[in-house]
C-alpha atoms as a PDB file:
ATOM      1  CA  MET A   1       0.000   0.000   0.000  1.00  0.00           C
ATOM      2  CA  GLY A   2       3.091   2.254  -0.049  1.00  0.00           C
ATOM      3  CA  SER A   3       2.456   4.145  -3.307  1.00  0.00           C
ATOM      4  CA  SER A   4      -1.289   4.123  -2.694  1.00  0.00           C
ATOM      5  CA  LYS A   5      -0.716   5.618   0.755  1.00  0.00           C
ATOM      6  CA  ASN A   6       1.498   8.308  -0.772  1.00  0.00           C
ATOM      7  CA  ARG A   7      -1.314   9.248  -3.158  1.00  0.00           C
ATOM      8  CA  TYR A   8      -3.630  10.015  -0.231  1.00  0.00           C
ATOM      9  CA  VAL A   9      -0.938  11.862   1.726  1.00  0.00           C
ATOM     10  CA  ASP A  10      -0.198  13.952  -1.396  1.00  0.00           C
ATOM     11  CA  ARG A  11      -3.889  14.819  -1.785  1.00  0.00           C
ATOM     12  CA  ILE A  12      -4.134  15.879   1.858  1.00  0.00           C
ATOM     13  CA  GLY A  13      -0.925  17.900   1.532  1.00  0.00           C
ATOM     14  CA  HIS A  14      -2.351  19.712  -1.471  1.00  0.00           C
ATOM     15  CA  LEU A  15      -5.545  20.524   0.449  1.00  0.00           C
ATOM     16  CA  GLN A  16      -3.438  21.804   3.363  1.00  0.00           C
ATOM     17  CA  GLY A  17      -1.544  24.049   0.951  1.00  0.00           C
ATOM     18  CA  VAL A  18      -4.820  25.499  -0.333  1.00  0.00           C
ATOM     19  CA  LEU A  19      -5.940  26.107   3.264  1.00  0.00           C
ATOM     20  CA  ARG A  20      -2.717  27.993   4.031  1.00  0.00           C
ATOM     21  CA  GLU A  21      -2.897  29.959   0.797  1.00  0.00           C
ATOM     22  CA  ARG A  22      -6.497  31.021   1.469  1.00  0.00           C
ATOM     23  CA  ARG A  23      -5.850  31.658   5.179  1.00  0.00           C
ATOM     24  CA  LEU A  24      -8.471  29.126   6.264  1.00  0.00           C
ATOM     25  CA  ALA A  25      -8.312  27.611   9.745  1.00  0.00           C
ATOM     26  CA  GLY A  26      -9.310  24.225   8.379  1.00  0.00           C
ATOM     27  CA  ALA A  27     -11.753  22.169   6.374  1.00  0.00           C
ATOM     28  CA  LEU A  28     -14.422  19.815   7.620  1.00  0.00           C
ATOM     29  CA  LEU A  29     -15.360  17.138   5.110  1.00  0.00           C
ATOM     30  CA  PHE A  30     -18.351  14.916   5.768  1.00  0.00           C
ATOM     31  CA  TYR A  31     -19.434  13.791   2.299  1.00  0.00           C
ATOM     32  CA  GLN A  32     -18.453  10.113   1.907  1.00  0.00           C
ATOM     33  CA  GLY A  33     -17.112  10.625  -1.613  1.00  0.00           C
ATOM     34  CA  ASP A  34     -14.672  13.265  -0.385  1.00  0.00           C
ATOM     35  CA  ILE A  35     -13.661  11.155   2.618  1.00  0.00           C
ATOM     36  CA  LEU A  36     -12.978   8.210   0.315  1.00  0.00           C
ATOM     37  CA  TYR A  37     -10.933  10.470  -1.990  1.00  0.00           C
ATOM     38  CA  TYR A  38      -8.712  11.771   0.827  1.00  0.00           C
ATOM     39  CA  THR A  39      -8.479   8.735   3.133  1.00  0.00           C
ATOM     40  CA  GLY A  40      -9.286   5.545   1.244  1.00  0.00           C
ATOM     41  CA  THR A  41     -12.259   4.550   3.399  1.00  0.00           C
ATOM     42  CA  ALA A  42     -15.977   4.930   2.783  1.00  0.00           C
ATOM     43  CA  GLN A  43     -16.978   4.224   6.385  1.00  0.00           C
ATOM     44  CA  PRO A  44     -19.301   6.775   8.029  1.00  0.00           C
ATOM     45  CA  ALA A  45     -16.918   9.465   9.217  1.00  0.00           C
ATOM     46  CA  TYR A  46     -15.909  13.086   8.969  1.00  0.00           C
ATOM     47  CA  PHE A  47     -12.464  14.386   8.163  1.00  0.00           C
ATOM     48  CA  VAL A  48     -10.929  17.453   9.809  1.00  0.00           C
ATOM     49  CA  VAL A  49      -8.014  18.959   7.885  1.00  0.00           C
ATOM     50  CA  LEU A  50      -5.960  21.817   9.317  1.00  0.00           C
ATOM     51  CA  PRO A  51      -3.068  23.562   7.588  1.00  0.00           C
ATOM     52  CA  ASP A  52      -0.636  21.502   9.701  1.00  0.00           C
ATOM     53  CA  ASP A  53      -2.615  18.462  10.874  1.00  0.00           C
ATOM     54  CA  TYR A  54      -5.546  16.176  10.047  1.00  0.00           C
ATOM     55  CA  ARG A  55      -7.735  13.523  11.701  1.00  0.00           C
ATOM     56  CA  LEU A  56     -10.408  11.135  10.521  1.00  0.00           C
ATOM     57  CA  PHE A  57     -13.240  10.766  13.044  1.00  0.00           C
ATOM     58  CA  VAL A  58     -15.053   7.481  12.368  1.00  0.00           C
ATOM     59  CA  ARG A  59     -18.701   7.353  13.423  1.00  0.00           C
ATOM     60  CA  ARG A  60     -19.299   3.639  12.743  1.00  0.00           C
ATOM     61  CA  GLY A  61     -17.145   0.756  11.571  1.00  0.00           C
ATOM     62  CA  TYR A  62     -13.931   1.919  13.267  1.00  0.00           C
ATOM     63  CA  ALA A  63     -12.110  -1.440  12.998  1.00  0.00           C
ATOM     64  CA  PHE A  64     -12.942  -1.771   9.315  1.00  0.00           C
ATOM     65  CA  ALA A  65     -12.000   1.868   8.649  1.00  0.00           C
ATOM     66  CA  CYS A  66      -8.597   1.260  10.247  1.00  0.00           C
ATOM     67  CA  MET A  67      -8.018  -1.736   7.972  1.00  0.00           C
ATOM     68  CA  GLU A  68      -8.959  -0.030   4.707  1.00  0.00           C
ATOM     69  CA  CYS A  69      -7.839   3.520   5.459  1.00  0.00           C
ATOM     70  CA  ALA A  70      -4.587   4.828   3.982  1.00  0.00           C
ATOM     71  CA  LEU A  71      -3.895   7.059   7.012  1.00  0.00           C
ATOM     72  CA  ASP A  72      -1.594   6.186   9.900  1.00  0.00           C
ATOM     73  CA  SER A  73      -3.515   4.701  12.824  1.00  0.00           C
ATOM     74  CA  GLU A  74      -2.826   7.671  15.137  1.00  0.00           C
ATOM     75  CA  ARG A  75      -4.758   9.877  12.698  1.00  0.00           C
ATOM     76  CA  VAL A  76      -7.926   7.733  12.870  1.00  0.00           C
ATOM     77  CA  VAL A  77     -10.187   8.259  15.900  1.00  0.00           C
ATOM     78  CA  ALA A  78     -13.435   6.522  16.925  1.00  0.00           C
ATOM     79  CA  GLU A  79     -15.804   9.434  17.568  1.00  0.00           C
ATOM     80  CA  SER A  80     -19.450   9.719  16.574  1.00  0.00           C
ATOM     81  CA  SER A  81     -20.021  13.311  17.712  1.00  0.00           C
ATOM     82  CA  ILE A  82     -18.954  15.899  15.178  1.00  0.00           C
ATOM     83  CA  ALA A  83     -18.989  18.561  17.914  1.00  0.00           C
ATOM     84  CA  VAL A  84     -16.531  16.617  20.082  1.00  0.00           C
ATOM     85  CA  GLY A  85     -14.268  15.909  17.129  1.00  0.00           C
ATOM     86  CA  ALA A  86     -14.268  19.529  16.020  1.00  0.00           C
ATOM     87  CA  ARG A  87     -13.488  20.713  19.554  1.00  0.00           C
ATOM     88  CA  LEU A  88     -10.586  18.291  19.732  1.00  0.00           C
ATOM     89  CA  LYS A  89      -8.964  19.456  16.513  1.00  0.00           C
ATOM     90  CA  LEU A  90     -10.129  22.891  15.427  1.00  0.00           C
ATOM     91  CA  PRO A  91      -7.912  25.731  16.641  1.00  0.00           C
ATOM     92  CA  ARG A  92      -9.243  28.756  18.423  1.00  0.00           C
ATOM     93  CA  ARG A  93      -7.977  31.501  16.178  1.00  0.00           C
ATOM     94  CA  GLY A  94      -8.744  35.190  15.976  1.00  0.00           C
ATOM     95  CA  CYS A  95     -10.306  37.237  13.212  1.00  0.00           C
ATOM     96  CA  GLY A  96      -9.301  36.570   9.655  1.00  0.00           C
ATOM     97  CA  TYR A  97      -9.611  32.791   9.806  1.00  0.00           C
ATOM     98  CA  PHE A  98     -12.513  30.787   8.491  1.00  0.00           C
ATOM     99  CA  LEU A  99     -13.475  27.141   8.498  1.00  0.00           C
ATOM    100  CA  GLY A 100     -14.226  25.753   5.058  1.00  0.00           C
ATOM    101  CA  LEU A 101     -17.152  23.353   4.967  1.00  0.00           C
ATOM    102  CA  ILE A 102     -17.046  21.285   1.814  1.00  0.00           C
ATOM    103  CA  TYR A 103     -20.333  19.679   0.874  1.00  0.00           C
ATOM    104  CA  VAL A 104     -21.432  19.432  -2.730  1.00  0.00           C
ATOM    105  CA  VAL A 105     -23.628  16.878  -4.461  1.00  0.00           C
ATOM    106  CA  LYS A 106     -20.905  16.222  -7.053  1.00  0.00           C
ATOM    107  CA  PRO A 107     -17.669  15.856  -5.061  1.00  0.00           C
ATOM    108  CA  LYS A 108     -15.428  15.950  -8.119  1.00  0.00           C
ATOM    109  CA  LEU A 109     -16.776  19.404  -8.938  1.00  0.00           C
ATOM    110  CA  SER A 110     -16.227  20.592  -5.357  1.00  0.00           C
ATOM    111  CA  ARG A 111     -12.548  19.637  -5.504  1.00  0.00           C
ATOM    112  CA  TYR A 112     -12.058  21.392  -8.844  1.00  0.00           C
ATOM    113  CA  SER A 113     -13.898  24.515  -7.729  1.00  0.00           C
ATOM    114  CA  MET A 114     -11.455  24.853  -4.834  1.00  0.00           C
ATOM    115  CA  GLY A 115      -8.468  24.237  -7.080  1.00  0.00           C
ATOM    116  CA  LEU A 116      -7.891  20.763  -5.661  1.00  0.00           C
ATOM    117  CA  ARG A 117      -6.961  17.566  -7.488  1.00  0.00           C
END
């Protein structure tokens, strides 16, 4: 899974670069197509990406998500509450920072509209 894992890490790194460039505090992805694109799992989850960190919060199927996910195990957390997960990872930053919520019916279009691959 080495080269496959690198593909996902590269995608996340690109998203982090866009976040830094646009001065966003982070992105919260909860559409399964986007989660599959960035992590390699389609288990019910949400994905918090910060300019310098990221975590996958798995709502159901944690063991299976760990097996199929391309992320390192310390980046995958069993947590069903989006509020708890966001509190754990989202920074408290001052004015000028925004959280990007990505949710579009056609995930491929959402990635292209943000300049992502």
